Amino acid sequence: MEKLVYSFPATKVVEQRAHVGVVGSGDLEILIEPTNNLETVVEIRTGITGFGETWRKVIERFVSQNDVSAHITINDFGATPGVVSIRLAQALEVSKNA
């Protein structure tokens, strides 16, 4: 199991918690929680090692497009970068409509 942690400055506050996805083959679970810090912290737990740079690029793209201040936890079970991007967008949408 590999644990990756990334942080980025952010300005928009997430006000609601969100939980999407499941930890299952080819999928992942994402939890978004509000934070008082003006930064996005992303913690990733994955059983697939050696893809830190790929994870960083996917997370950087999400943060640059959304600029949300939140604590994001990702529990991965082999999801592709496309699935990660879709789940992140879904979690952000759920947090806005919760």
Protein backbone atom coordinates (compact mmCIF):
# COMPACT_ATOMS: atom_id res chain seq x y z
CA MET A 1 0.00 0.00 0.00
CA GLU A 2 1.37 3.38 -1.01
CA LYS A 3 0.30 6.65 0.58
CA LEU A 4 0.76 9.88 -1.36
CA VAL A 5 0.07 13.36 -0.01
CA TYR A 6 -0.10 16.51 -2.11
CA SER A 7 -0.97 20.07 -1.10
CA PHE A 8 -1.73 23.16 -3.16
CA PRO A 9 -2.81 26.72 -2.33
CA ALA A 10 -6.51 27.39 -2.88
CA THR A 11 -9.05 30.18 -2.40
CA LYS A 12 -12.59 28.77 -2.79
CA VAL A 13 -14.04 27.10 0.29
CA VAL A 14 -15.91 23.80 0.13
CA GLU A 15 -18.78 24.07 2.59
CA GLN A 16 -20.23 20.54 2.56
CA ARG A 17 -18.76 17.08 2.96
CA ALA A 18 -19.09 14.62 0.10
CA HIS A 19 -18.52 10.90 -0.39
CA VAL A 20 -18.60 9.21 -3.79
CA GLY A 21 -17.50 5.90 -5.24
CA VAL A 22 -16.52 2.60 -3.69
CA VAL A 23 -13.24 0.85 -3.16
CA GLY A 24 -13.69 -1.91 -5.73
CA SER A 25 -11.83 -3.26 -8.71
CA GLY A 26 -10.95 -0.46 -11.10
CA ASP A 27 -12.72 2.15 -8.98
CA LEU A 28 -12.02 4.40 -6.02
CA GLU A 29 -13.66 6.23 -3.14
CA ILE A 30 -13.33 9.98 -2.66
CA LEU A 31 -14.15 11.93 0.47
CA ILE A 32 -14.14 15.74 0.47
CA GLU A 33 -14.16 17.64 3.74
CA PRO A 34 -14.22 21.38 4.35
CA THR A 35 -11.12 22.93 5.89
CA ASN A 36 -10.29 26.31 7.41
CA ASN A 37 -6.94 26.41 5.63
CA LEU A 38 -6.61 28.05 2.25
CA GLU A 39 -5.13 24.97 0.68
CA THR A 40 -6.14 21.69 -0.87
CA VAL A 41 -4.62 18.65 0.78
CA VAL A 42 -5.05 15.36 -1.07
CA GLU A 43 -4.23 12.06 0.61
CA ILE A 44 -4.18 9.03 -1.65
CA ARG A 45 -4.03 5.43 -0.48
CA THR A 46 -3.42 2.99 -3.30
CA GLY A 47 -2.36 -0.60 -3.70
CA ILE A 48 -0.79 0.21 -7.07
CA THR A 49 2.72 1.57 -6.48
CA GLY A 50 4.96 3.62 -8.73
CA PHE A 51 2.42 6.07 -10.18
CA GLY A 52 3.11 9.11 -7.99
CA GLU A 53 3.85 11.38 -10.94
CA THR A 54 0.64 10.35 -12.71
CA TRP A 55 -1.35 10.99 -9.54
CA ARG A 56 0.31 14.40 -9.13
CA LYS A 57 -0.64 15.46 -12.67
CA VAL A 58 -4.27 14.37 -12.28
CA ILE A 59 -4.58 16.19 -8.94
CA GLU A 60 -2.81 19.31 -10.24
CA ARG A 61 -5.24 19.50 -13.16
CA PHE A 62 -8.25 19.16 -10.84
CA VAL A 63 -6.96 21.82 -8.45
CA SER A 64 -6.03 24.25 -11.23
CA GLN A 65 -9.52 23.93 -12.73
CA ASN A 66 -11.43 24.15 -9.44
CA ASP A 67 -9.26 26.00 -6.88
CA VAL A 68 -11.17 24.52 -3.93
CA SER A 69 -9.90 24.59 -0.38
CA ALA A 70 -10.58 21.14 1.08
CA HIS A 71 -9.16 17.98 2.53
CA ILE A 72 -9.60 15.21 -0.05
CA THR A 73 -9.07 11.54 0.74
CA ILE A 74 -8.82 9.06 -2.12
CA ASN A 75 -8.90 5.31 -1.49
CA ASP A 76 -7.89 3.68 -4.77
CA PHE A 77 -8.27 0.16 -6.09
CA GLY A 78 -6.67 0.48 -9.52
CA ALA A 79 -8.70 3.29 -11.07
CA THR A 80 -7.47 4.85 -14.30
CA PRO A 81 -6.69 8.59 -14.48
CA GLY A 82 -9.96 9.12 -16.36
CA VAL A 83 -11.97 7.49 -13.58
CA VAL A 84 -10.10 9.57 -10.99
CA SER A 85 -10.96 12.79 -12.84
CA ILE A 86 -14.62 11.84 -13.16
CA ARG A 87 -14.90 10.88 -9.49
CA LEU A 88 -13.23 14.11 -8.37
CA ALA A 89 -15.69 16.15 -10.46
CA GLN A 90 -18.56 14.07 -9.09
CA ALA A 91 -17.43 14.59 -5.49
CA LEU A 92 -17.15 18.33 -6.00
CA GLU A 93 -20.64 18.43 -7.50
CA VAL A 94 -22.06 16.43 -4.59
CA SER A 95 -20.39 18.81 -2.11
CA LYS A 96 -22.13 21.76 -3.80
CA ASN A 97 -25.55 20.08 -3.72
CA ALA A 98 -25.41 18.41 -0.31
